[in-house]
Amino acid sequence: MNRGANPPPPPEVVPDIVVDRRYEFEQGGRRFEVISTPGGEALDSIVVWMPKERIVFTGNLFGPVFLAMPNLVTTRGDKPRLVQRYLASLDTVRRLGADLLITGHGDPIRGADQIKASLDKMHAAVSYINDAVIAGMNAGKDVHTLMREIRLPEELTIGEFHGKVSWAVRSIWEEYSGWFHYDSTTSLYGVPRSSVHGDLAELAGGASALAARARQKLDAGRPLEALHLTDIALGAQTTNADALRVKKDALQRLLADSGGSNLSEVMWLKSEIAAAEAALTQK
């Protein structure tokens, strides 16, 4: 099958056993316990525990990379994971005291001490972010300020290969506050800010004038502000070559600055760069 082709539909599976918190059975002379852990990538995720062998199969409960920041809300649009459920599910696995932990990707994690230390660190890291978000909200800080400010202390730093600290901050913020951020009355209604992009471009002297200012922002090392301006310029004139070139360069700057460690971020930036290149080719 071509990579770009649609995958075949999955087979229809009709369950004959419903697991409510925990289900135990024996098969082939071995005992298995199926344990509900609703904080995983799927809202109905489970882990499988073999108590005699002290082996736990966690699948993608902790994401595709172990000892890394969870993606509580993915860019591809998965259903949001609640931070408290994630922490509770992590704690469920931690209390098992496994000697061997097998995830959905990568090599098994061996040794009770190593597993406990890793789970302790992950629990402490996500708890730290959760507490920092709550403290920031109570201090009256907006979500974007907290996304910039909240950082893990060195001793709690974990990988950011799919999830990121700043994304977790936003996910947790919206879990507690909902979709209304108290930043604009217009958020209550169905008319987006993009509806006045044409007016802003006209007042600024046109899309190319906005693109020129965006280039200045980019040259000053502020690619995100440059993208805000190109969004307005392209909202007013979707084919403006000046704005498309600045947008492409700003995206490439973000890609270079990212270090290439976070797959979700890298793939999104590459797709946006490709779209800008395609739009310029059509000019």
C-alpha atoms as a PDB file:
ATOM      1  CA  MET A   1       0.000   0.000   0.000  1.00  0.00           C
ATOM      2  CA  ASN A   2       1.279   3.488  -0.835  1.00  0.00           C
ATOM      3  CA  ARG A   3       2.165   5.624   2.166  1.00  0.00           C
ATOM      4  CA  GLY A   4      -0.247   8.297   1.000  1.00  0.00           C
ATOM      5  CA  ALA A   5      -3.141   5.919   0.461  1.00  0.00           C
ATOM      6  CA  ASN A   6      -5.947   5.488   2.955  1.00  0.00           C
ATOM      7  CA  PRO A   7      -5.421   2.466   5.212  1.00  0.00           C
ATOM      8  CA  PRO A   8      -7.939  -0.366   5.021  1.00  0.00           C
ATOM      9  CA  PRO A   9     -10.726  -0.233   7.605  1.00  0.00           C
ATOM     10  CA  PRO A  10      -9.894  -2.088  10.817  1.00  0.00           C
ATOM     11  CA  PRO A  11     -11.675  -5.371  11.452  1.00  0.00           C
ATOM     12  CA  GLU A  12     -14.805  -5.175  13.554  1.00  0.00           C
ATOM     13  CA  VAL A  13     -14.126  -6.606  16.999  1.00  0.00           C
ATOM     14  CA  VAL A  14     -17.100  -7.409  19.205  1.00  0.00           C
ATOM     15  CA  PRO A  15     -15.981  -7.713  22.841  1.00  0.00           C
ATOM     16  CA  ASP A  16     -17.412 -10.532  24.916  1.00  0.00           C
ATOM     17  CA  ILE A  17     -15.888  -9.444  28.248  1.00  0.00           C
ATOM     18  CA  VAL A  18     -16.217  -5.985  29.775  1.00  0.00           C
ATOM     19  CA  VAL A  19     -13.450  -4.992  32.188  1.00  0.00           C
ATOM     20  CA  ASP A  20     -14.647  -2.928  35.140  1.00  0.00           C
ATOM     21  CA  ARG A  21     -11.478  -1.703  36.896  1.00  0.00           C
ATOM     22  CA  ARG A  22      -9.846  -5.159  37.043  1.00  0.00           C
ATOM     23  CA  TYR A  23     -10.316  -8.550  35.405  1.00  0.00           C
ATOM     24  CA  GLU A  24      -8.304 -11.654  36.355  1.00  0.00           C
ATOM     25  CA  PHE A  25      -7.930 -14.896  34.433  1.00  0.00           C
ATOM     26  CA  GLU A  26      -5.564 -17.799  33.816  1.00  0.00           C
ATOM     27  CA  GLN A  27      -4.302 -18.918  30.432  1.00  0.00           C
ATOM     28  CA  GLY A  28      -1.657 -21.525  29.661  1.00  0.00           C
ATOM     29  CA  GLY A  29      -0.885 -21.990  33.328  1.00  0.00           C
ATOM     30  CA  ARG A  30      -0.156 -18.302  33.833  1.00  0.00           C
ATOM     31  CA  ARG A  31      -2.150 -15.706  35.734  1.00  0.00           C
ATOM     32  CA  PHE A  32      -3.053 -12.390  34.134  1.00  0.00           C
ATOM     33  CA  GLU A  33      -4.691  -9.269  35.551  1.00  0.00           C
ATOM     34  CA  VAL A  34      -6.223  -6.691  33.219  1.00  0.00           C
ATOM     35  CA  ILE A  35      -6.287  -3.322  34.993  1.00  0.00           C
ATOM     36  CA  SER A  36      -8.131  -0.188  33.901  1.00  0.00           C
ATOM     37  CA  THR A  37      -5.841   2.836  33.431  1.00  0.00           C
ATOM     38  CA  PRO A  38      -8.003   5.563  31.835  1.00  0.00           C
ATOM     39  CA  GLY A  39      -5.177   8.109  31.743  1.00  0.00           C
ATOM     40  CA  GLY A  40      -3.568   6.600  28.651  1.00  0.00           C
ATOM     41  CA  GLU A  41      -3.656   7.643  25.005  1.00  0.00           C
ATOM     42  CA  ALA A  42      -7.051   5.941  24.771  1.00  0.00           C
ATOM     43  CA  LEU A  43      -9.685   6.896  27.326  1.00  0.00           C
ATOM     44  CA  ASP A  44     -10.400   3.203  27.902  1.00  0.00           C
ATOM     45  CA  SER A  45      -6.752   2.101  28.093  1.00  0.00           C
ATOM     46  CA  ILE A  46      -5.681  -0.884  30.147  1.00  0.00           C
ATOM     47  CA  VAL A  47      -2.465  -2.512  31.336  1.00  0.00           C
ATOM     48  CA  VAL A  48      -1.838  -6.242  31.677  1.00  0.00           C
ATOM     49  CA  TRP A  49      -0.089  -7.457  34.832  1.00  0.00           C
ATOM     50  CA  MET A  50       1.466 -10.876  35.368  1.00  0.00           C
ATOM     51  CA  PRO A  51       1.844 -10.989  39.168  1.00  0.00           C
ATOM     52  CA  LYS A  52       3.916 -14.160  39.439  1.00  0.00           C
ATOM     53  CA  GLU A  53       6.472 -13.029  36.832  1.00  0.00           C
ATOM     54  CA  ARG A  54       6.155  -9.372  37.948  1.00  0.00           C
ATOM     55  CA  ILE A  55       5.781  -8.214  34.341  1.00  0.00           C
ATOM     56  CA  VAL A  56       3.510  -5.348  33.288  1.00  0.00           C
ATOM     57  CA  PHE A  57       2.495  -4.529  29.713  1.00  0.00           C
ATOM     58  CA  THR A  58       1.591  -0.831  29.559  1.00  0.00           C
ATOM     59  CA  GLY A  59       1.157  -0.266  25.816  1.00  0.00           C
ATOM     60  CA  ASN A  60       1.072   3.494  25.172  1.00  0.00           C
ATOM     61  CA  LEU A  61      -0.161   4.480  28.625  1.00  0.00           C
ATOM     62  CA  PHE A  62       2.917   6.716  28.957  1.00  0.00           C
ATOM     63  CA  GLY A  63       3.049   7.675  25.297  1.00  0.00           C
ATOM     64  CA  PRO A  64       5.200   6.239  22.508  1.00  0.00           C
ATOM     65  CA  VAL A  65       8.447   7.027  24.384  1.00  0.00           C
ATOM     66  CA  PHE A  66       9.009   6.029  28.000  1.00  0.00           C
ATOM     67  CA  LEU A  67      10.292   8.553  30.536  1.00  0.00           C
ATOM     68  CA  ALA A  68       8.976  11.449  28.470  1.00  0.00           C
ATOM     69  CA  MET A  69       6.370  14.200  28.720  1.00  0.00           C
ATOM     70  CA  PRO A  70       2.905  12.861  27.888  1.00  0.00           C
ATOM     71  CA  ASN A  71       0.943  14.389  25.048  1.00  0.00           C
ATOM     72  CA  LEU A  72      -2.240  15.164  26.984  1.00  0.00           C
ATOM     73  CA  VAL A  73      -3.828  16.633  23.850  1.00  0.00           C
ATOM     74  CA  THR A  74      -2.220  15.721  20.531  1.00  0.00           C
ATOM     75  CA  THR A  75      -1.918  17.950  17.482  1.00  0.00           C
ATOM     76  CA  ARG A  76      -3.642  15.220  15.456  1.00  0.00           C
ATOM     77  CA  GLY A  77      -6.839  15.663  17.458  1.00  0.00           C
ATOM     78  CA  ASP A  78      -7.067  12.732  19.871  1.00  0.00           C
ATOM     79  CA  LYS A  79      -9.543  13.053  22.723  1.00  0.00           C
ATOM     80  CA  PRO A  80      -7.983  15.007  25.611  1.00  0.00           C
ATOM     81  CA  ARG A  81      -6.448  13.127  28.516  1.00  0.00           C
ATOM     82  CA  LEU A  82      -7.175  14.463  31.989  1.00  0.00           C
ATOM     83  CA  VAL A  83      -4.028  15.128  33.971  1.00  0.00           C
ATOM     84  CA  GLN A  84      -5.382  13.696  37.224  1.00  0.00           C
ATOM     85  CA  ARG A  85      -6.391  10.464  35.487  1.00  0.00           C
ATOM     86  CA  TYR A  86      -2.946  10.222  33.922  1.00  0.00           C
ATOM     87  CA  LEU A  87      -1.292  10.651  37.314  1.00  0.00           C
ATOM     88  CA  ALA A  88      -3.639   8.139  38.946  1.00  0.00           C
ATOM     89  CA  SER A  89      -2.991   5.573  36.211  1.00  0.00           C
ATOM     90  CA  LEU A  90       0.754   6.107  36.494  1.00  0.00           C
ATOM     91  CA  ASP A  91       0.447   5.546  40.225  1.00  0.00           C
ATOM     92  CA  THR A  92      -1.507   2.330  39.604  1.00  0.00           C
ATOM     93  CA  VAL A  93       1.411   0.947  37.633  1.00  0.00           C
ATOM     94  CA  ARG A  94       3.921   2.269  40.139  1.00  0.00           C
ATOM     95  CA  ARG A  95       2.240   0.397  42.994  1.00  0.00           C
ATOM     96  CA  LEU A  96       2.579  -2.923  41.157  1.00  0.00           C
ATOM     97  CA  GLY A  97       6.327  -3.004  41.776  1.00  0.00           C
ATOM     98  CA  ALA A  98       7.136  -4.595  38.419  1.00  0.00           C
ATOM     99  CA  ASP A  99      10.518  -6.122  37.613  1.00  0.00           C
ATOM    100  CA  LEU A 100       9.913  -5.810  33.865  1.00  0.00           C
ATOM    101  CA  LEU A 101       7.881  -3.078  32.134  1.00  0.00           C
ATOM    102  CA  ILE A 102       7.032  -3.537  28.463  1.00  0.00           C
ATOM    103  CA  THR A 103       5.657  -0.531  26.574  1.00  0.00           C
ATOM    104  CA  GLY A 104       4.104  -0.237  23.127  1.00  0.00           C
ATOM    105  CA  HIS A 105       7.409   0.936  21.592  1.00  0.00           C
ATOM    106  CA  GLY A 106      11.069   0.499  22.377  1.00  0.00           C
ATOM    107  CA  ASP A 107      13.017  -1.845  24.592  1.00  0.00           C
ATOM    108  CA  PRO A 108      11.627  -3.207  27.873  1.00  0.00           C
ATOM    109  CA  ILE A 109      12.586  -1.423  31.087  1.00  0.00           C
ATOM    110  CA  ARG A 110      14.237  -3.867  33.465  1.00  0.00           C
ATOM    111  CA  GLY A 111      14.708  -3.854  37.224  1.00  0.00           C
ATOM    112  CA  ALA A 112      12.281  -2.838  39.958  1.00  0.00           C
ATOM    113  CA  ASP A 113      14.493   0.001  41.163  1.00  0.00           C
ATOM    114  CA  GLN A 114      14.935   1.449  37.661  1.00  0.00           C
ATOM    115  CA  ILE A 115      11.224   1.196  36.902  1.00  0.00           C
ATOM    116  CA  LYS A 116      10.238   2.812  40.192  1.00  0.00           C
ATOM    117  CA  ALA A 117      12.748   5.648  39.778  1.00  0.00           C
ATOM    118  CA  SER A 118      11.480   6.371  36.249  1.00  0.00           C
ATOM    119  CA  LEU A 119       7.810   6.309  37.265  1.00  0.00           C
ATOM    120  CA  ASP A 120       8.557   8.467  40.301  1.00  0.00           C
ATOM    121  CA  LYS A 121      10.258  11.042  38.090  1.00  0.00           C
ATOM    122  CA  MET A 122       7.442  11.090  35.538  1.00  0.00           C
ATOM    123  CA  HIS A 123       4.824  11.464  38.285  1.00  0.00           C
ATOM    124  CA  ALA A 124       6.786  14.265  39.949  1.00  0.00           C
ATOM    125  CA  ALA A 125       7.362  16.095  36.644  1.00  0.00           C
ATOM    126  CA  VAL A 126       3.714  16.109  35.563  1.00  0.00           C
ATOM    127  CA  SER A 127       2.587  16.936  39.112  1.00  0.00           C
ATOM    128  CA  TYR A 128       4.985  19.896  39.138  1.00  0.00           C
ATOM    129  CA  ILE A 129       3.503  21.251  35.901  1.00  0.00           C
ATOM    130  CA  ASN A 130      -0.042  20.708  37.156  1.00  0.00           C
ATOM    131  CA  ASP A 131       0.677  22.565  40.406  1.00  0.00           C
ATOM    132  CA  ALA A 132       2.458  25.376  38.550  1.00  0.00           C
ATOM    133  CA  VAL A 133      -0.501  25.871  36.199  1.00  0.00           C
ATOM    134  CA  ILE A 134      -2.941  26.065  39.116  1.00  0.00           C
ATOM    135  CA  ALA A 135      -0.693  28.527  40.950  1.00  0.00           C
ATOM    136  CA  GLY A 136      -0.366  30.650  37.814  1.00  0.00           C
ATOM    137  CA  MET A 137      -4.104  30.673  37.215  1.00  0.00           C
ATOM    138  CA  ASN A 138      -4.714  31.725  40.804  1.00  0.00           C
ATOM    139  CA  ALA A 139      -2.166  34.515  40.318  1.00  0.00           C
ATOM    140  CA  GLY A 140      -4.158  35.795  37.349  1.00  0.00           C
ATOM    141  CA  LYS A 141      -1.666  34.823  34.637  1.00  0.00           C
ATOM    142  CA  ASP A 142      -2.924  33.971  31.166  1.00  0.00           C
ATOM    143  CA  VAL A 143      -2.235  30.682  29.445  1.00  0.00           C
ATOM    144  CA  HIS A 144       0.353  32.045  27.005  1.00  0.00           C
ATOM    145  CA  THR A 145       2.373  33.590  29.839  1.00  0.00           C
ATOM    146  CA  LEU A 146       2.398  30.267  31.651  1.00  0.00           C
ATOM    147  CA  MET A 147       3.374  28.414  28.466  1.00  0.00           C
ATOM    148  CA  ARG A 148       6.447  30.661  28.272  1.00  0.00           C
ATOM    149  CA  GLU A 149       7.283  30.698  31.970  1.00  0.00           C
ATOM    150  CA  ILE A 150       6.753  27.187  33.316  1.00  0.00           C
ATOM    151  CA  ARG A 151       9.842  25.009  33.087  1.00  0.00           C
ATOM    152  CA  LEU A 152      10.750  21.808  34.859  1.00  0.00           C
ATOM    153  CA  PRO A 153      13.607  21.982  37.360  1.00  0.00           C
ATOM    154  CA  GLU A 154      16.691  20.139  36.201  1.00  0.00           C
ATOM    155  CA  GLU A 155      16.123  17.167  38.498  1.00  0.00           C
ATOM    156  CA  LEU A 156      12.656  16.591  37.002  1.00  0.00           C
ATOM    157  CA  THR A 157      13.521  17.101  33.338  1.00  0.00           C
ATOM    158  CA  ILE A 158      12.184  14.327  31.110  1.00  0.00           C
ATOM    159  CA  GLY A 159      12.132  13.871  27.332  1.00  0.00           C
ATOM    160  CA  GLU A 160       9.946  15.981  25.050  1.00  0.00           C
ATOM    161  CA  PHE A 161       9.838  13.675  22.039  1.00  0.00           C
ATOM    162  CA  HIS A 162       6.072  13.856  21.372  1.00  0.00           C
ATOM    163  CA  GLY A 163       4.648  15.951  24.190  1.00  0.00           C
ATOM    164  CA  LYS A 164       6.188  19.209  25.434  1.00  0.00           C
ATOM    165  CA  VAL A 165       6.072  21.067  28.739  1.00  0.00           C
ATOM    166  CA  SER A 166       4.440  24.099  27.112  1.00  0.00           C
ATOM    167  CA  TRP A 167       1.782  21.917  25.472  1.00  0.00           C
ATOM    168  CA  ALA A 168       1.062  20.181  28.768  1.00  0.00           C
ATOM    169  CA  VAL A 169       0.643  23.609  30.361  1.00  0.00           C
ATOM    170  CA  ARG A 170      -1.957  24.581  27.773  1.00  0.00           C
ATOM    171  CA  SER A 171      -3.737  21.213  28.010  1.00  0.00           C
ATOM    172  CA  ILE A 172      -3.983  21.438  31.794  1.00  0.00           C
ATOM    173  CA  TRP A 173      -5.092  25.075  31.634  1.00  0.00           C
ATOM    174  CA  GLU A 174      -7.937  24.245  29.267  1.00  0.00           C
ATOM    175  CA  GLU A 175      -8.874  21.161  31.280  1.00  0.00           C
ATOM    176  CA  TYR A 176      -9.516  23.401  34.290  1.00  0.00           C
ATOM    177  CA  SER A 177     -10.750  26.580  32.604  1.00  0.00           C
ATOM    178  CA  GLY A 178     -12.464  25.353  29.440  1.00  0.00           C
ATOM    179  CA  TRP A 179     -12.411  27.053  26.063  1.00  0.00           C
ATOM    180  CA  PHE A 180     -13.047  30.634  27.224  1.00  0.00           C
ATOM    181  CA  HIS A 181      -9.769  32.322  28.154  1.00  0.00           C
ATOM    182  CA  TYR A 182     -11.188  35.654  29.403  1.00  0.00           C
ATOM    183  CA  ASP A 183      -9.035  37.518  26.887  1.00  0.00           C
ATOM    184  CA  SER A 184     -11.700  38.859  24.521  1.00  0.00           C
ATOM    185  CA  THR A 185     -15.468  39.228  24.442  1.00  0.00           C
ATOM    186  CA  THR A 186     -15.404  38.131  20.789  1.00  0.00           C
ATOM    187  CA  SER A 187     -14.455  34.611  21.954  1.00  0.00           C
ATOM    188  CA  LEU A 188     -18.094  34.188  22.965  1.00  0.00           C
ATOM    189  CA  TYR A 189     -19.308  34.561  19.404  1.00  0.00           C
ATOM    190  CA  GLY A 190     -18.824  32.940  16.003  1.00  0.00           C
ATOM    191  CA  VAL A 191     -16.826  35.704  14.331  1.00  0.00           C
ATOM    192  CA  PRO A 192     -13.053  35.050  14.458  1.00  0.00           C
ATOM    193  CA  ARG A 193     -10.304  37.659  14.491  1.00  0.00           C
ATOM    194  CA  SER A 194      -9.381  36.577  10.995  1.00  0.00           C
ATOM    195  CA  SER A 195     -12.568  38.298   9.816  1.00  0.00           C
ATOM    196  CA  VAL A 196     -10.778  41.672  10.125  1.00  0.00           C
ATOM    197  CA  HIS A 197      -7.488  40.604   8.557  1.00  0.00           C
ATOM    198  CA  GLY A 198      -8.438  42.450   5.389  1.00  0.00           C
ATOM    199  CA  ASP A 199      -9.105  45.641   7.381  1.00  0.00           C
ATOM    200  CA  LEU A 200      -5.778  45.369   9.216  1.00  0.00           C
ATOM    201  CA  ALA A 201      -3.910  44.792   5.966  1.00  0.00           C
ATOM    202  CA  GLU A 202      -5.593  47.824   4.399  1.00  0.00           C
ATOM    203  CA  LEU A 203      -4.728  50.026   7.369  1.00  0.00           C
ATOM    204  CA  ALA A 204      -1.127  48.768   7.309  1.00  0.00           C
ATOM    205  CA  GLY A 205      -0.723  49.602   3.641  1.00  0.00           C
ATOM    206  CA  GLY A 206      -1.389  46.159   2.202  1.00  0.00           C
ATOM    207  CA  ALA A 207      -0.246  42.582   2.625  1.00  0.00           C
ATOM    208  CA  SER A 208       3.260  43.347   1.363  1.00  0.00           C
ATOM    209  CA  ALA A 209       3.679  46.043   4.006  1.00  0.00           C
ATOM    210  CA  LEU A 210       2.766  43.516   6.674  1.00  0.00           C
ATOM    211  CA  ALA A 211       5.202  41.057   5.118  1.00  0.00           C
ATOM    212  CA  ALA A 212       7.958  43.661   5.304  1.00  0.00           C
ATOM    213  CA  ARG A 213       7.288  44.188   9.012  1.00  0.00           C
ATOM    214  CA  ALA A 214       7.215  40.417   9.467  1.00  0.00           C
ATOM    215  CA  ARG A 215      10.655  40.224   7.831  1.00  0.00           C
ATOM    216  CA  GLN A 216      11.917  42.777  10.353  1.00  0.00           C
ATOM    217  CA  LYS A 217      10.559  40.660  13.206  1.00  0.00           C
ATOM    218  CA  LEU A 218      12.216  37.566  11.781  1.00  0.00           C
ATOM    219  CA  ASP A 219      15.538  39.354  11.310  1.00  0.00           C
ATOM    220  CA  ALA A 220      15.287  40.429  14.967  1.00  0.00           C
ATOM    221  CA  GLY A 221      14.972  36.785  16.021  1.00  0.00           C
ATOM    222  CA  ARG A 222      11.211  36.845  16.637  1.00  0.00           C
ATOM    223  CA  PRO A 223       9.805  34.246  14.218  1.00  0.00           C
ATOM    224  CA  LEU A 224       6.520  33.749  16.083  1.00  0.00           C
ATOM    225  CA  GLU A 225       5.674  37.442  15.878  1.00  0.00           C
ATOM    226  CA  ALA A 226       6.600  37.273  12.192  1.00  0.00           C
ATOM    227  CA  LEU A 227       4.084  34.457  11.734  1.00  0.00           C
ATOM    228  CA  HIS A 228       1.349  36.457  13.470  1.00  0.00           C
ATOM    229  CA  LEU A 229       1.904  39.157  10.864  1.00  0.00           C
ATOM    230  CA  THR A 230       2.041  36.779   7.897  1.00  0.00           C
ATOM    231  CA  ASP A 231      -1.197  35.168   9.096  1.00  0.00           C
ATOM    232  CA  ILE A 232      -2.870  38.568   8.802  1.00  0.00           C
ATOM    233  CA  ALA A 233      -1.240  39.319   5.453  1.00  0.00           C
ATOM    234  CA  LEU A 234      -2.226  35.949   3.977  1.00  0.00           C
ATOM    235  CA  GLY A 235      -5.671  36.228   5.497  1.00  0.00           C
ATOM    236  CA  ALA A 236      -6.112  39.338   3.412  1.00  0.00           C
ATOM    237  CA  GLN A 237      -4.264  38.099   0.293  1.00  0.00           C
ATOM    238  CA  THR A 238      -3.702  34.344   0.275  1.00  0.00           C
ATOM    239  CA  THR A 239      -1.237  34.385  -2.649  1.00  0.00           C
ATOM    240  CA  ASN A 240       0.997  37.269  -1.531  1.00  0.00           C
ATOM    241  CA  ALA A 241       4.502  36.076  -2.401  1.00  0.00           C
ATOM    242  CA  ASP A 242       6.270  38.370   0.075  1.00  0.00           C
ATOM    243  CA  ALA A 243       4.217  37.016   2.973  1.00  0.00           C
ATOM    244  CA  LEU A 244       4.641  33.426   1.811  1.00  0.00           C
ATOM    245  CA  ARG A 245       8.420  33.803   1.657  1.00  0.00           C
ATOM    246  CA  VAL A 246       8.617  35.292   5.137  1.00  0.00           C
ATOM    247  CA  LYS A 247       6.295  32.604   6.470  1.00  0.00           C
ATOM    248  CA  LYS A 248       8.467  29.877   4.975  1.00  0.00           C
ATOM    249  CA  ASP A 249      11.631  31.412   6.424  1.00  0.00           C
ATOM    250  CA  ALA A 250      10.043  31.855   9.857  1.00  0.00           C
ATOM    251  CA  LEU A 251       8.911  28.229   9.862  1.00  0.00           C
ATOM    252  CA  GLN A 252      12.394  27.088   8.876  1.00  0.00           C
ATOM    253  CA  ARG A 253      13.825  29.155  11.735  1.00  0.00           C
ATOM    254  CA  LEU A 254      11.437  27.470  14.180  1.00  0.00           C
ATOM    255  CA  LEU A 255      12.398  24.066  12.780  1.00  0.00           C
ATOM    256  CA  ALA A 256      16.095  24.806  13.236  1.00  0.00           C
ATOM    257  CA  ASP A 257      15.529  26.177  16.738  1.00  0.00           C
ATOM    258  CA  SER A 258      13.505  23.110  17.722  1.00  0.00           C
ATOM    259  CA  GLY A 259      16.544  20.848  17.562  1.00  0.00           C
ATOM    260  CA  GLY A 260      14.441  18.203  15.815  1.00  0.00           C
ATOM    261  CA  SER A 261      13.746  16.281  19.026  1.00  0.00           C
ATOM    262  CA  ASN A 262       9.939  16.491  19.105  1.00  0.00           C
ATOM    263  CA  LEU A 263       8.385  14.464  16.288  1.00  0.00           C
ATOM    264  CA  SER A 264       4.950  16.139  16.460  1.00  0.00           C
ATOM    265  CA  GLU A 265       6.482  19.610  16.263  1.00  0.00           C
ATOM    266  CA  VAL A 266       8.913  18.665  13.487  1.00  0.00           C
ATOM    267  CA  MET A 267       6.268  17.026  11.303  1.00  0.00           C
ATOM    268  CA  TRP A 268       3.886  19.963  11.693  1.00  0.00           C
ATOM    269  CA  LEU A 269       6.565  22.523  10.804  1.00  0.00           C
ATOM    270  CA  LYS A 270       7.693  20.471   7.805  1.00  0.00           C
ATOM    271  CA  SER A 271       4.125  20.206   6.545  1.00  0.00           C
ATOM    272  CA  GLU A 272       3.651  23.973   6.864  1.00  0.00           C
ATOM    273  CA  ILE A 273       6.949  24.641   5.078  1.00  0.00           C
ATOM    274  CA  ALA A 274       5.879  22.308   2.264  1.00  0.00           C
ATOM    275  CA  ALA A 275       2.524  24.104   1.983  1.00  0.00           C
ATOM    276  CA  ALA A 276       4.248  27.501   1.762  1.00  0.00           C
ATOM    277  CA  GLU A 277       6.637  26.168  -0.884  1.00  0.00           C
ATOM    278  CA  ALA A 278       3.749  24.735  -2.876  1.00  0.00           C
ATOM    279  CA  ALA A 279       1.881  28.054  -2.727  1.00  0.00           C
ATOM    280  CA  LEU A 280       4.989  29.901  -3.970  1.00  0.00           C
ATOM    281  CA  THR A 281       5.456  27.406  -6.824  1.00  0.00           C
ATOM    282  CA  GLN A 282       1.900  28.076  -7.987  1.00  0.00           C
ATOM    283  CA  LYS A 283       2.634  31.778  -8.250  1.00  0.00           C
END
